[in-house]
Amino acid sequence: MSKSQQRKGRNGELEIVKIFQAHGIDAQPGQAVSFGSTPDITGVPGIHPEIKRVERLNVPEAMAQATRDSEKFHNGASTLFHRRNRSPWLATMRLEDWILQKNKFKQLLTISILTKL
């Protein structure tokens, strides 16, 4: 991987961290150029974020990496955040993980409503 590709990837990680923080998520960037020894981003409960800032993405390969890393770090559902130049960020996750996340959110919402009664 070239230095410019590493820089582009790191900038993507920092960009996602800022977006998460702007929405009240205490995300922190991982170690720069760690080659898988640390997660790309920490502090996102229930999610293992894998960040890809590339023009041509092999989604199955990137999801396989995200899944391996989420199992390695035990930090949540593997979720791929990716974007091309001049394009919005996209999030990709396995359907079963999305359903689990949706159900967790629904439970939290119900608990929140019940505690206000």
PDB file of N, CA and C in Angstrom:
ATOM      1  N   MET A   1       0.854  -1.183   0.000  1.00  0.00           N
ATOM      2  CA  MET A   1       0.000   0.000   0.000  1.00  0.00           C
ATOM      3  C   MET A   1       0.895   1.240   0.000  1.00  0.00           C
ATOM      4  N   SER A   2       0.622   2.163  -0.910  1.00  0.00           N
ATOM      5  CA  SER A   2       1.447   3.370  -1.026  1.00  0.00           C
ATOM      6  C   SER A   2       1.153   4.344   0.116  1.00  0.00           C
ATOM      7  N   LYS A   3       2.071   5.274   0.309  1.00  0.00           N
ATOM      8  CA  LYS A   3       1.899   6.296   1.348  1.00  0.00           C
ATOM      9  C   LYS A   3       0.634   7.118   1.103  1.00  0.00           C
ATOM     10  N   SER A   4       0.347   7.432  -0.162  1.00  0.00           N
ATOM     11  CA  SER A   4      -0.850   8.235  -0.460  1.00  0.00           C
ATOM     12  C   SER A   4      -2.120   7.437  -0.155  1.00  0.00           C
ATOM     13  N   GLN A   5      -2.105   6.128  -0.401  1.00  0.00           N
ATOM     14  CA  GLN A   5      -3.264   5.290  -0.057  1.00  0.00           C
ATOM     15  C   GLN A   5      -3.440   5.206   1.455  1.00  0.00           C
ATOM     16  N   GLN A   6      -2.329   5.084   2.187  1.00  0.00           N
ATOM     17  CA  GLN A   6      -2.394   5.056   3.646  1.00  0.00           C
ATOM     18  C   GLN A   6      -2.942   6.373   4.178  1.00  0.00           C
ATOM     19  N   ARG A   7      -2.482   7.480   3.605  1.00  0.00           N
ATOM     20  CA  ARG A   7      -2.942   8.809   4.028  1.00  0.00           C
ATOM     21  C   ARG A   7      -4.434   8.977   3.754  1.00  0.00           C
ATOM     22  N   LYS A   8      -4.874   8.528   2.580  1.00  0.00           N
ATOM     23  CA  LYS A   8      -6.290   8.628   2.219  1.00  0.00           C
ATOM     24  C   LYS A   8      -7.138   7.791   3.176  1.00  0.00           C
ATOM     25  N   GLY A   9      -6.665   6.583   3.490  1.00  0.00           N
ATOM     26  CA  GLY A   9      -7.382   5.730   4.431  1.00  0.00           C
ATOM     27  C   GLY A   9      -7.460   6.350   5.815  1.00  0.00           C
ATOM     28  N   ARG A  10      -6.336   6.890   6.288  1.00  0.00           N
ATOM     29  CA  ARG A  10      -6.310   7.523   7.615  1.00  0.00           C
ATOM     30  C   ARG A  10      -7.234   8.736   7.636  1.00  0.00           C
ATOM     31  N   ASN A  11      -7.222   9.541   6.581  1.00  0.00           N
ATOM     32  CA  ASN A  11      -8.117  10.700   6.521  1.00  0.00           C
ATOM     33  C   ASN A  11      -9.574  10.262   6.567  1.00  0.00           C
ATOM     34  N   GLY A  12      -9.896   9.135   5.925  1.00  0.00           N
ATOM     35  CA  GLY A  12     -11.254   8.595   5.987  1.00  0.00           C
ATOM     36  C   GLY A  12     -11.630   8.205   7.403  1.00  0.00           C
ATOM     37  N   GLU A  13     -10.701   7.571   8.131  1.00  0.00           N
ATOM     38  CA  GLU A  13     -10.963   7.200   9.522  1.00  0.00           C
ATOM     39  C   GLU A  13     -11.232   8.444  10.366  1.00  0.00           C
ATOM     40  N   LEU A  14     -10.404   9.470  10.195  1.00  0.00           N
ATOM     41  CA  LEU A  14     -10.578  10.705  10.969  1.00  0.00           C
ATOM     42  C   LEU A  14     -11.888  11.412  10.603  1.00  0.00           C
ATOM     43  N   GLU A  15     -12.257  11.351   9.340  1.00  0.00           N
ATOM     44  CA  GLU A  15     -13.513  11.955   8.884  1.00  0.00           C
ATOM     45  C   GLU A  15     -14.716  11.272   9.544  1.00  0.00           C
ATOM     46  N   ILE A  16     -14.702   9.944   9.583  1.00  0.00           N
ATOM     47  CA  ILE A  16     -15.799   9.196  10.220  1.00  0.00           C
ATOM     48  C   ILE A  16     -15.845   9.487  11.718  1.00  0.00           C
ATOM     49  N   VAL A  17     -14.676   9.565  12.363  1.00  0.00           N
ATOM     50  CA  VAL A  17     -14.635   9.882  13.800  1.00  0.00           C
ATOM     51  C   VAL A  17     -15.314  11.221  14.055  1.00  0.00           C
ATOM     52  N   LYS A  18     -15.010  12.226  13.238  1.00  0.00           N
ATOM     53  CA  LYS A  18     -15.625  13.549  13.414  1.00  0.00           C
ATOM     54  C   LYS A  18     -17.142  13.481  13.227  1.00  0.00           C
ATOM     55  N   ILE A  19     -17.596  12.711  12.262  1.00  0.00           N
ATOM     56  CA  ILE A  19     -19.043  12.565  12.027  1.00  0.00           C
ATOM     57  C   ILE A  19     -19.694  11.908  13.240  1.00  0.00           C
ATOM     58  N   PHE A  20     -19.097  10.817  13.729  1.00  0.00           N
ATOM     59  CA  PHE A  20     -19.642  10.150  14.914  1.00  0.00           C
ATOM     60  C   PHE A  20     -19.679  11.104  16.103  1.00  0.00           C
ATOM     61  N   GLN A  21     -18.589  11.811  16.344  1.00  0.00           N
ATOM     62  CA  GLN A  21     -18.525  12.734  17.478  1.00  0.00           C
ATOM     63  C   GLN A  21     -19.562  13.844  17.360  1.00  0.00           C
ATOM     64  N   ALA A  22     -19.802  14.313  16.146  1.00  0.00           N
ATOM     65  CA  ALA A  22     -20.817  15.353  15.928  1.00  0.00           C
ATOM     66  C   ALA A  22     -22.222  14.852  16.273  1.00  0.00           C
ATOM     67  N   HIS A  23     -22.393  13.529  16.274  1.00  0.00           N
ATOM     68  CA  HIS A  23     -23.687  12.932  16.602  1.00  0.00           C
ATOM     69  C   HIS A  23     -23.695  12.325  18.008  1.00  0.00           C
ATOM     70  N   GLY A  24     -22.754  12.746  18.860  1.00  0.00           N
ATOM     71  CA  GLY A  24     -22.752  12.338  20.258  1.00  0.00           C
ATOM     72  C   GLY A  24     -22.137  10.979  20.545  1.00  0.00           C
ATOM     73  N   ILE A  25     -21.450  10.395  19.580  1.00  0.00           N
ATOM     74  CA  ILE A  25     -20.795   9.100  19.784  1.00  0.00           C
ATOM     75  C   ILE A  25     -19.336   9.370  20.134  1.00  0.00           C
ATOM     76  N   ASP A  26     -18.868   8.801  21.233  1.00  0.00           N
ATOM     77  CA  ASP A  26     -17.520   9.058  21.723  1.00  0.00           C
ATOM     78  C   ASP A  26     -16.480   8.215  20.976  1.00  0.00           C
ATOM     79  N   ALA A  27     -16.446   8.351  19.665  1.00  0.00           N
ATOM     80  CA  ALA A  27     -15.515   7.595  18.825  1.00  0.00           C
ATOM     81  C   ALA A  27     -14.121   8.195  18.912  1.00  0.00           C
ATOM     82  N   GLN A  28     -13.125   7.320  18.849  1.00  0.00           N
ATOM     83  CA  GLN A  28     -11.729   7.738  18.849  1.00  0.00           C
ATOM     84  C   GLN A  28     -11.000   6.985  17.738  1.00  0.00           C
ATOM     85  N   PRO A  29     -10.075   7.654  17.046  1.00  0.00           N
ATOM     86  CA  PRO A  29      -9.338   6.951  15.998  1.00  0.00           C
ATOM     87  C   PRO A  29      -8.372   5.943  16.596  1.00  0.00           C
ATOM     88  N   GLY A  30      -8.183   4.850  15.880  1.00  0.00           N
ATOM     89  CA  GLY A  30      -7.192   3.866  16.289  1.00  0.00           C
ATOM     90  C   GLY A  30      -5.804   4.356  15.935  1.00  0.00           C
ATOM     91  N   GLN A  31      -4.827   3.520  16.183  1.00  0.00           N
ATOM     92  CA  GLN A  31      -3.444   3.840  15.880  1.00  0.00           C
ATOM     93  C   GLN A  31      -3.264   3.940  14.366  1.00  0.00           C
ATOM     94  N   ALA A  32      -2.553   4.957  13.931  1.00  0.00           N
ATOM     95  CA  ALA A  32      -2.302   5.122  12.500  1.00  0.00           C
ATOM     96  C   ALA A  32      -1.432   3.983  11.985  1.00  0.00           C
ATOM     97  N   VAL A  33      -1.783   3.456  10.822  1.00  0.00           N
ATOM     98  CA  VAL A  33      -1.036   2.410  10.128  1.00  0.00           C
ATOM     99  C   VAL A  33      -0.677   1.267  11.077  1.00  0.00           C
ATOM    100  N   SER A  34      -1.693   0.684  11.682  1.00  0.00           N
ATOM    101  CA  SER A  34      -1.468  -0.400  12.648  1.00  0.00           C
ATOM    102  C   SER A  34      -1.469  -1.774  11.989  1.00  0.00           C
ATOM    103  N   PHE A  35      -1.884  -1.840  10.723  1.00  0.00           N
ATOM    104  CA  PHE A  35      -1.932  -3.095   9.969  1.00  0.00           C
ATOM    105  C   PHE A  35      -2.702  -4.178  10.720  1.00  0.00           C
ATOM    106  N   GLY A  36      -3.851  -3.776  11.313  1.00  0.00           N
ATOM    107  CA  GLY A  36      -4.738  -4.742  11.947  1.00  0.00           C
ATOM    108  C   GLY A  36      -4.445  -5.036  13.401  1.00  0.00           C
ATOM    109  N   SER A  37      -3.446  -4.385  13.991  1.00  0.00           N
ATOM    110  CA  SER A  37      -3.153  -4.653  15.398  1.00  0.00           C
ATOM    111  C   SER A  37      -4.091  -3.903  16.334  1.00  0.00           C
ATOM    112  N   THR A  38      -4.754  -2.866  15.841  1.00  0.00           N
ATOM    113  CA  THR A  38      -5.768  -2.140  16.609  1.00  0.00           C
ATOM    114  C   THR A  38      -6.943  -1.846  15.679  1.00  0.00           C
ATOM    115  N   PRO A  39      -8.153  -1.661  16.246  1.00  0.00           N
ATOM    116  CA  PRO A  39      -9.299  -1.310  15.393  1.00  0.00           C
ATOM    117  C   PRO A  39      -9.097   0.062  14.735  1.00  0.00           C
ATOM    118  N   ASP A  40      -9.763   0.282  13.595  1.00  0.00           N
ATOM    119  CA  ASP A  40      -9.700   1.591  12.925  1.00  0.00           C
ATOM    120  C   ASP A  40     -10.231   2.687  13.848  1.00  0.00           C
ATOM    121  N   ILE A  41     -11.339   2.366  14.533  1.00  0.00           N
ATOM    122  CA  ILE A  41     -12.014   3.328  15.408  1.00  0.00           C
ATOM    123  C   ILE A  41     -12.500   2.579  16.640  1.00  0.00           C
ATOM    124  N   THR A  42     -12.426   3.223  17.798  1.00  0.00           N
ATOM    125  CA  THR A  42     -12.982   2.655  19.026  1.00  0.00           C
ATOM    126  C   THR A  42     -14.064   3.585  19.570  1.00  0.00           C
ATOM    127  N   GLY A  43     -14.831   3.071  20.524  1.00  0.00           N
ATOM    128  CA  GLY A  43     -15.834   3.897  21.191  1.00  0.00           C
ATOM    129  C   GLY A  43     -17.192   3.931  20.526  1.00  0.00           C
ATOM    130  N   VAL A  44     -17.452   2.991  19.631  1.00  0.00           N
ATOM    131  CA  VAL A  44     -18.754   2.912  18.966  1.00  0.00           C
ATOM    132  C   VAL A  44     -19.434   1.647  19.493  1.00  0.00           C
ATOM    133  N   PRO A  45     -20.282   1.785  20.511  1.00  0.00           N
ATOM    134  CA  PRO A  45     -20.852   0.609  21.177  1.00  0.00           C
ATOM    135  C   PRO A  45     -21.596  -0.330  20.229  1.00  0.00           C
ATOM    136  N   GLY A  46     -21.258  -1.622  20.317  1.00  0.00           N
ATOM    137  CA  GLY A  46     -21.957  -2.642  19.549  1.00  0.00           C
ATOM    138  C   GLY A  46     -21.572  -2.748  18.089  1.00  0.00           C
ATOM    139  N   ILE A  47     -20.610  -1.918  17.661  1.00  0.00           N
ATOM    140  CA  ILE A  47     -20.218  -1.882  16.247  1.00  0.00           C
ATOM    141  C   ILE A  47     -18.699  -1.993  16.141  1.00  0.00           C
ATOM    142  N   HIS A  48     -18.249  -2.819  15.211  1.00  0.00           N
ATOM    143  CA  HIS A  48     -16.832  -2.813  14.841  1.00  0.00           C
ATOM    144  C   HIS A  48     -16.740  -2.083  13.508  1.00  0.00           C
ATOM    145  N   PRO A  49     -16.323  -0.812  13.521  1.00  0.00           N
ATOM    146  CA  PRO A  49     -16.233  -0.062  12.272  1.00  0.00           C
ATOM    147  C   PRO A  49     -14.980  -0.419  11.477  1.00  0.00           C
ATOM    148  N   GLU A  50     -15.161  -0.733  10.227  1.00  0.00           N
ATOM    149  CA  GLU A  50     -14.054  -0.919   9.284  1.00  0.00           C
ATOM    150  C   GLU A  50     -14.201   0.186   8.248  1.00  0.00           C
ATOM    151  N   ILE A  51     -13.193   1.027   8.121  1.00  0.00           N
ATOM    152  CA  ILE A  51     -13.290   2.211   7.273  1.00  0.00           C
ATOM    153  C   ILE A  51     -12.501   1.991   5.985  1.00  0.00           C
ATOM    154  N   LYS A  52     -13.142   2.255   4.870  1.00  0.00           N
ATOM    155  CA  LYS A  52     -12.485   2.139   3.563  1.00  0.00           C
ATOM    156  C   LYS A  52     -12.773   3.399   2.764  1.00  0.00           C
ATOM    157  N   ARG A  53     -11.719   4.062   2.352  1.00  0.00           N
ATOM    158  CA  ARG A  53     -11.834   5.294   1.561  1.00  0.00           C
ATOM    159  C   ARG A  53     -11.125   5.045   0.237  1.00  0.00           C
ATOM    160  N   VAL A  54     -11.830   4.345  -0.672  1.00  0.00           N
ATOM    161  CA  VAL A  54     -11.234   3.930  -1.946  1.00  0.00           C
ATOM    162  C   VAL A  54     -12.224   4.137  -3.085  1.00  0.00           C
ATOM    163  N   GLU A  55     -11.701   4.191  -4.288  1.00  0.00           N
ATOM    164  CA  GLU A  55     -12.557   4.355  -5.461  1.00  0.00           C
ATOM    165  C   GLU A  55     -13.178   3.034  -5.901  1.00  0.00           C
ATOM    166  N   ARG A  56     -12.443   1.953  -5.765  1.00  0.00           N
ATOM    167  CA  ARG A  56     -12.949   0.628  -6.150  1.00  0.00           C
ATOM    168  C   ARG A  56     -12.826  -0.292  -4.952  1.00  0.00           C
ATOM    169  N   LEU A  57     -13.959  -0.668  -4.401  1.00  0.00           N
ATOM    170  CA  LEU A  57     -13.976  -1.476  -3.194  1.00  0.00           C
ATOM    171  C   LEU A  57     -14.513  -2.869  -3.489  1.00  0.00           C
ATOM    172  N   ASN A  58     -13.794  -3.857  -3.043  1.00  0.00           N
ATOM    173  CA  ASN A  58     -14.282  -5.229  -3.093  1.00  0.00           C
ATOM    174  C   ASN A  58     -15.046  -5.444  -1.782  1.00  0.00           C
ATOM    175  N   VAL A  59     -16.360  -5.231  -1.820  1.00  0.00           N
ATOM    176  CA  VAL A  59     -17.178  -5.267  -0.608  1.00  0.00           C
ATOM    177  C   VAL A  59     -17.093  -6.620   0.103  1.00  0.00           C
ATOM    178  N   PRO A  60     -17.227  -7.760  -0.588  1.00  0.00           N
ATOM    179  CA  PRO A  60     -17.116  -9.034   0.136  1.00  0.00           C
ATOM    180  C   PRO A  60     -15.770  -9.205   0.845  1.00  0.00           C
ATOM    181  N   GLU A  61     -14.701  -8.791   0.201  1.00  0.00           N
ATOM    182  CA  GLU A  61     -13.378  -8.899   0.822  1.00  0.00           C
ATOM    183  C   GLU A  61     -13.260  -7.970   2.030  1.00  0.00           C
ATOM    184  N   ALA A  62     -13.756  -6.742   1.896  1.00  0.00           N
ATOM    185  CA  ALA A  62     -13.705  -5.783   3.003  1.00  0.00           C
ATOM    186  C   ALA A  62     -14.584  -6.244   4.169  1.00  0.00           C
ATOM    187  N   MET A  63     -15.746  -6.818   3.863  1.00  0.00           N
ATOM    188  CA  MET A  63     -16.608  -7.340   4.934  1.00  0.00           C
ATOM    189  C   MET A  63     -15.961  -8.535   5.617  1.00  0.00           C
ATOM    190  N   ALA A  64     -15.262  -9.364   4.862  1.00  0.00           N
ATOM    191  CA  ALA A  64     -14.551 -10.499   5.463  1.00  0.00           C
ATOM    192  C   ALA A  64     -13.489  -9.992   6.434  1.00  0.00           C
ATOM    193  N   GLN A  65     -12.781  -8.930   6.049  1.00  0.00           N
ATOM    194  CA  GLN A  65     -11.797  -8.331   6.953  1.00  0.00           C
ATOM    195  C   GLN A  65     -12.484  -7.768   8.193  1.00  0.00           C
ATOM    196  N   ALA A  66     -13.586  -7.057   8.003  1.00  0.00           N
ATOM    197  CA  ALA A  66     -14.322  -6.486   9.137  1.00  0.00           C
ATOM    198  C   ALA A  66     -14.795  -7.585  10.081  1.00  0.00           C
ATOM    199  N   THR A  67     -15.276  -8.691   9.535  1.00  0.00           N
ATOM    200  CA  THR A  67     -15.758  -9.801  10.358  1.00  0.00           C
ATOM    201  C   THR A  67     -14.605 -10.448  11.131  1.00  0.00           C
ATOM    202  N   ARG A  68     -13.482 -10.686  10.458  1.00  0.00           N
ATOM    203  CA  ARG A  68     -12.303 -11.238  11.150  1.00  0.00           C
ATOM    204  C   ARG A  68     -11.872 -10.331  12.297  1.00  0.00           C
ATOM    205  N   ASP A  69     -11.829  -9.015  12.019  1.00  0.00           N
ATOM    206  CA  ASP A  69     -11.383  -8.070  13.032  1.00  0.00           C
ATOM    207  C   ASP A  69     -12.388  -7.959  14.181  1.00  0.00           C
ATOM    208  N   SER A  70     -13.687  -7.994  13.878  1.00  0.00           N
ATOM    209  CA  SER A  70     -14.678  -7.902  14.960  1.00  0.00           C
ATOM    210  C   SER A  70     -14.593  -9.123  15.864  1.00  0.00           C
ATOM    211  N   GLU A  71     -14.289 -10.282  15.290  1.00  0.00           N
ATOM    212  CA  GLU A  71     -14.103 -11.489  16.097  1.00  0.00           C
ATOM    213  C   GLU A  71     -12.813 -11.405  16.907  1.00  0.00           C
ATOM    214  N   LYS A  72     -11.788 -10.813  16.330  1.00  0.00           N
ATOM    215  CA  LYS A  72     -10.495 -10.655  17.012  1.00  0.00           C
ATOM    216  C   LYS A  72     -10.602  -9.692  18.193  1.00  0.00           C
ATOM    217  N   PHE A  73     -11.282  -8.558  17.991  1.00  0.00           N
ATOM    218  CA  PHE A  73     -11.356  -7.515  19.015  1.00  0.00           C
ATOM    219  C   PHE A  73     -12.594  -7.633  19.907  1.00  0.00           C
ATOM    220  N   HIS A  74     -13.552  -8.483  19.539  1.00  0.00           N
ATOM    221  CA  HIS A  74     -14.787  -8.678  20.325  1.00  0.00           C
ATOM    222  C   HIS A  74     -15.467  -7.342  20.638  1.00  0.00           C
ATOM    223  N   ASN A  75     -15.618  -6.503  19.613  1.00  0.00           N
ATOM    224  CA  ASN A  75     -16.170  -5.172  19.865  1.00  0.00           C
ATOM    225  C   ASN A  75     -17.447  -4.865  19.095  1.00  0.00           C
ATOM    226  N   GLY A  76     -18.148  -5.880  18.614  1.00  0.00           N
ATOM    227  CA  GLY A  76     -19.452  -5.626  18.031  1.00  0.00           C
ATOM    228  C   GLY A  76     -19.615  -6.116  16.606  1.00  0.00           C
ATOM    229  N   ALA A  77     -20.753  -5.770  16.050  1.00  0.00           N
ATOM    230  CA  ALA A  77     -21.126  -6.194  14.695  1.00  0.00           C
ATOM    231  C   ALA A  77     -20.215  -5.538  13.661  1.00  0.00           C
ATOM    232  N   SER A  78     -19.695  -6.346  12.771  1.00  0.00           N
ATOM    233  CA  SER A  78     -18.813  -5.810  11.735  1.00  0.00           C
ATOM    234  C   SER A  78     -19.616  -4.909  10.802  1.00  0.00           C
ATOM    235  N   THR A  79     -19.133  -3.687  10.669  1.00  0.00           N
ATOM    236  CA  THR A  79     -19.815  -2.702   9.834  1.00  0.00           C
ATOM    237  C   THR A  79     -18.780  -1.986   8.990  1.00  0.00           C
ATOM    238  N   LEU A  80     -19.007  -1.972   7.709  1.00  0.00           N
ATOM    239  CA  LEU A  80     -18.104  -1.372   6.745  1.00  0.00           C
ATOM    240  C   LEU A  80     -18.621   0.026   6.409  1.00  0.00           C
ATOM    241  N   PHE A  81     -17.814   1.047   6.680  1.00  0.00           N
ATOM    242  CA  PHE A  81     -18.130   2.423   6.302  1.00  0.00           C
ATOM    243  C   PHE A  81     -17.209   2.757   5.144  1.00  0.00           C
ATOM    244  N   HIS A  82     -17.792   3.182   4.020  1.00  0.00           N
ATOM    245  CA  HIS A  82     -16.968   3.383   2.831  1.00  0.00           C
ATOM    246  C   HIS A  82     -17.517   4.501   1.970  1.00  0.00           C
ATOM    247  N   ARG A  83     -16.582   5.128   1.248  1.00  0.00           N
ATOM    248  CA  ARG A  83     -16.997   6.137   0.279  1.00  0.00           C
ATOM    249  C   ARG A  83     -15.928   6.353  -0.765  1.00  0.00           C
ATOM    250  N   ARG A  84     -16.401   6.816  -1.905  1.00  0.00           N
ATOM    251  CA  ARG A  84     -15.535   7.202  -3.015  1.00  0.00           C
ATOM    252  C   ARG A  84     -15.382   8.717  -2.976  1.00  0.00           C
ATOM    253  N   ASN A  85     -14.498   9.248  -3.803  1.00  0.00           N
ATOM    254  CA  ASN A  85     -14.343  10.703  -3.920  1.00  0.00           C
ATOM    255  C   ASN A  85     -15.676  11.339  -4.310  1.00  0.00           C
ATOM    256  N   ARG A  86     -15.984  12.456  -3.696  1.00  0.00           N
ATOM    257  CA  ARG A  86     -17.184  13.244  -4.013  1.00  0.00           C
ATOM    258  C   ARG A  86     -18.479  12.442  -3.883  1.00  0.00           C
ATOM    259  N   SER A  87     -18.497  11.468  -2.992  1.00  0.00           N
ATOM    260  CA  SER A  87     -19.684  10.646  -2.764  1.00  0.00           C
ATOM    261  C   SER A  87     -19.966  10.602  -1.271  1.00  0.00           C
ATOM    262  N   PRO A  88     -21.206  10.333  -0.905  1.00  0.00           N
ATOM    263  CA  PRO A  88     -21.531  10.248   0.524  1.00  0.00           C
ATOM    264  C   PRO A  88     -21.006   8.942   1.132  1.00  0.00           C
ATOM    265  N   TRP A  89     -20.899   8.940   2.446  1.00  0.00           N
ATOM    266  CA  TRP A  89     -20.502   7.732   3.161  1.00  0.00           C
ATOM    267  C   TRP A  89     -21.631   6.716   3.099  1.00  0.00           C
ATOM    268  N   LEU A  90     -21.269   5.458   2.976  1.00  0.00           N
ATOM    269  CA  LEU A  90     -22.215   4.348   3.001  1.00  0.00           C
ATOM    270  C   LEU A  90     -21.827   3.420   4.145  1.00  0.00           C
ATOM    271  N   ALA A  91     -22.807   2.717   4.683  1.00  0.00           N
ATOM    272  CA  ALA A  91     -22.560   1.722   5.725  1.00  0.00           C
ATOM    273  C   ALA A  91     -23.096   0.386   5.231  1.00  0.00           C
ATOM    274  N   THR A  92     -22.260  -0.637   5.320  1.00  0.00           N
ATOM    275  CA  THR A  92     -22.642  -1.977   4.888  1.00  0.00           C
ATOM    276  C   THR A  92     -22.451  -2.928   6.065  1.00  0.00           C
ATOM    277  N   MET A  93     -23.478  -3.732   6.332  1.00  0.00           N
ATOM    278  CA  MET A  93     -23.349  -4.763   7.358  1.00  0.00           C
ATOM    279  C   MET A  93     -24.177  -5.973   6.966  1.00  0.00           C
ATOM    280  N   ARG A  94     -23.877  -7.101   7.590  1.00  0.00           N
ATOM    281  CA  ARG A  94     -24.652  -8.306   7.306  1.00  0.00           C
ATOM    282  C   ARG A  94     -26.088  -8.082   7.775  1.00  0.00           C
ATOM    283  N   LEU A  95     -27.041  -8.632   7.047  1.00  0.00           N
ATOM    284  CA  LEU A  95     -28.450  -8.457   7.385  1.00  0.00           C
ATOM    285  C   LEU A  95     -28.749  -8.941   8.792  1.00  0.00           C
ATOM    286  N   GLU A  96     -28.213 -10.084   9.180  1.00  0.00           N
ATOM    287  CA  GLU A  96     -28.474 -10.615  10.533  1.00  0.00           C
ATOM    288  C   GLU A  96     -27.973  -9.648  11.606  1.00  0.00           C
ATOM    289  N   ASP A  97     -26.840  -8.991  11.369  1.00  0.00           N
ATOM    290  CA  ASP A  97     -26.333  -8.000  12.327  1.00  0.00           C
ATOM    291  C   ASP A  97     -27.222  -6.759  12.352  1.00  0.00           C
ATOM    292  N   TRP A  98     -27.706  -6.355  11.188  1.00  0.00           N
ATOM    293  CA  TRP A  98     -28.592  -5.190  11.128  1.00  0.00           C
ATOM    294  C   TRP A  98     -29.867  -5.461  11.924  1.00  0.00           C
ATOM    295  N   ILE A  99     -30.429  -6.657  11.768  1.00  0.00           N
ATOM    296  CA  ILE A  99     -31.650  -7.017  12.494  1.00  0.00           C
ATOM    297  C   ILE A  99     -31.385  -7.016  14.000  1.00  0.00           C
ATOM    298  N   LEU A 100     -30.253  -7.570  14.423  1.00  0.00           N
ATOM    299  CA  LEU A 100     -29.901  -7.549  15.848  1.00  0.00           C
ATOM    300  C   LEU A 100     -29.777  -6.116  16.367  1.00  0.00           C
ATOM    301  N   GLN A 101     -29.111  -5.260  15.600  1.00  0.00           N
ATOM    302  CA  GLN A 101     -28.969  -3.860  16.005  1.00  0.00           C
ATOM    303  C   GLN A 101     -30.324  -3.162  16.091  1.00  0.00           C
ATOM    304  N   LYS A 102     -31.187  -3.426  15.121  1.00  0.00           N
ATOM    305  CA  LYS A 102     -32.527  -2.839  15.124  1.00  0.00           C
ATOM    306  C   LYS A 102     -33.291  -3.278  16.359  1.00  0.00           C
ATOM    307  N   ASN A 103     -33.211  -4.562  16.692  1.00  0.00           N
ATOM    308  CA  ASN A 103     -33.923  -5.072  17.862  1.00  0.00           C
ATOM    309  C   ASN A 103     -33.364  -4.495  19.160  1.00  0.00           C
ATOM    310  N   LYS A 104     -32.044  -4.329  19.252  1.00  0.00           N
ATOM    311  CA  LYS A 104     -31.441  -3.705  20.431  1.00  0.00           C
ATOM    312  C   LYS A 104     -31.928  -2.269  20.577  1.00  0.00           C
ATOM    313  N   PHE A 105     -31.985  -1.539  19.467  1.00  0.00           N
ATOM    314  CA  PHE A 105     -32.463  -0.169  19.494  1.00  0.00           C
ATOM    315  C   PHE A 105     -33.921  -0.117  19.943  1.00  0.00           C
ATOM    316  N   LYS A 106     -34.720  -1.022  19.427  1.00  0.00           N
ATOM    317  CA  LYS A 106     -36.139  -1.083  19.791  1.00  0.00           C
ATOM    318  C   LYS A 106     -36.289  -1.339  21.293  1.00  0.00           C
ATOM    319  N   GLN A 107     -35.474  -2.246  21.849  1.00  0.00           N
ATOM    320  CA  GLN A 107     -35.522  -2.525  23.281  1.00  0.00           C
ATOM    321  C   GLN A 107     -35.121  -1.296  24.092  1.00  0.00           C
ATOM    322  N   LEU A 108     -34.065  -0.613  23.668  1.00  0.00           N
ATOM    323  CA  LEU A 108     -33.635   0.587  24.379  1.00  0.00           C
ATOM    324  C   LEU A 108     -34.691   1.675  24.328  1.00  0.00           C
ATOM    325  N   LEU A 109     -35.322   1.820  23.191  1.00  0.00           N
ATOM    326  CA  LEU A 109     -36.374   2.814  23.042  1.00  0.00           C
ATOM    327  C   LEU A 109     -37.548   2.486  23.967  1.00  0.00           C
ATOM    328  N   THR A 110     -37.935   1.220  24.030  1.00  0.00           N
ATOM    329  CA  THR A 110     -39.024   0.794  24.910  1.00  0.00           C
ATOM    330  C   THR A 110     -38.676   1.061  26.369  1.00  0.00           C
ATOM    331  N   ILE A 111     -37.467   0.720  26.771  1.00  0.00           N
ATOM    332  CA  ILE A 111     -37.034   0.964  28.154  1.00  0.00           C
ATOM    333  C   ILE A 111     -37.066   2.449  28.446  1.00  0.00           C
ATOM    334  N   SER A 112     -36.586   3.249  27.505  1.00  0.00           N
ATOM    335  CA  SER A 112     -36.575   4.699  27.688  1.00  0.00           C
ATOM    336  C   SER A 112     -37.992   5.234  27.863  1.00  0.00           C
ATOM    337  N   ILE A 113     -38.922   4.764  27.061  1.00  0.00           N
ATOM    338  CA  ILE A 113     -40.310   5.224  27.155  1.00  0.00           C
ATOM    339  C   ILE A 113     -40.922   4.785  28.480  1.00  0.00           C
ATOM    340  N   LEU A 114     -40.687   3.553  28.886  1.00  0.00           N
ATOM    341  CA  LEU A 114     -41.261   3.036  30.130  1.00  0.00           C
ATOM    342  C   LEU A 114     -40.712   3.754  31.364  1.00  0.00           C
ATOM    343  N   THR A 115     -39.456   4.159  31.338  1.00  0.00           N
ATOM    344  CA  THR A 115     -38.894   4.850  32.498  1.00  0.00           C
ATOM    345  C   THR A 115     -39.433   6.278  32.610  1.00  0.00           C
ATOM    346  N   LYS A 116     -39.981   6.800  31.525  1.00  0.00           N
ATOM    347  CA  LYS A 116     -40.550   8.148  31.564  1.00  0.00           C
ATOM    348  C   LYS A 116     -42.003   8.136  32.033  1.00  0.00           C
ATOM    349  N   LEU A 117     -42.613   6.965  32.111  1.00  0.00           N
ATOM    350  CA  LEU A 117     -44.010   6.871  32.536  1.00  0.00           C
ATOM    351  C   LEU A 117     -44.153   7.027  34.031  1.00  0.00           C
TER     352      LEU A 117
END
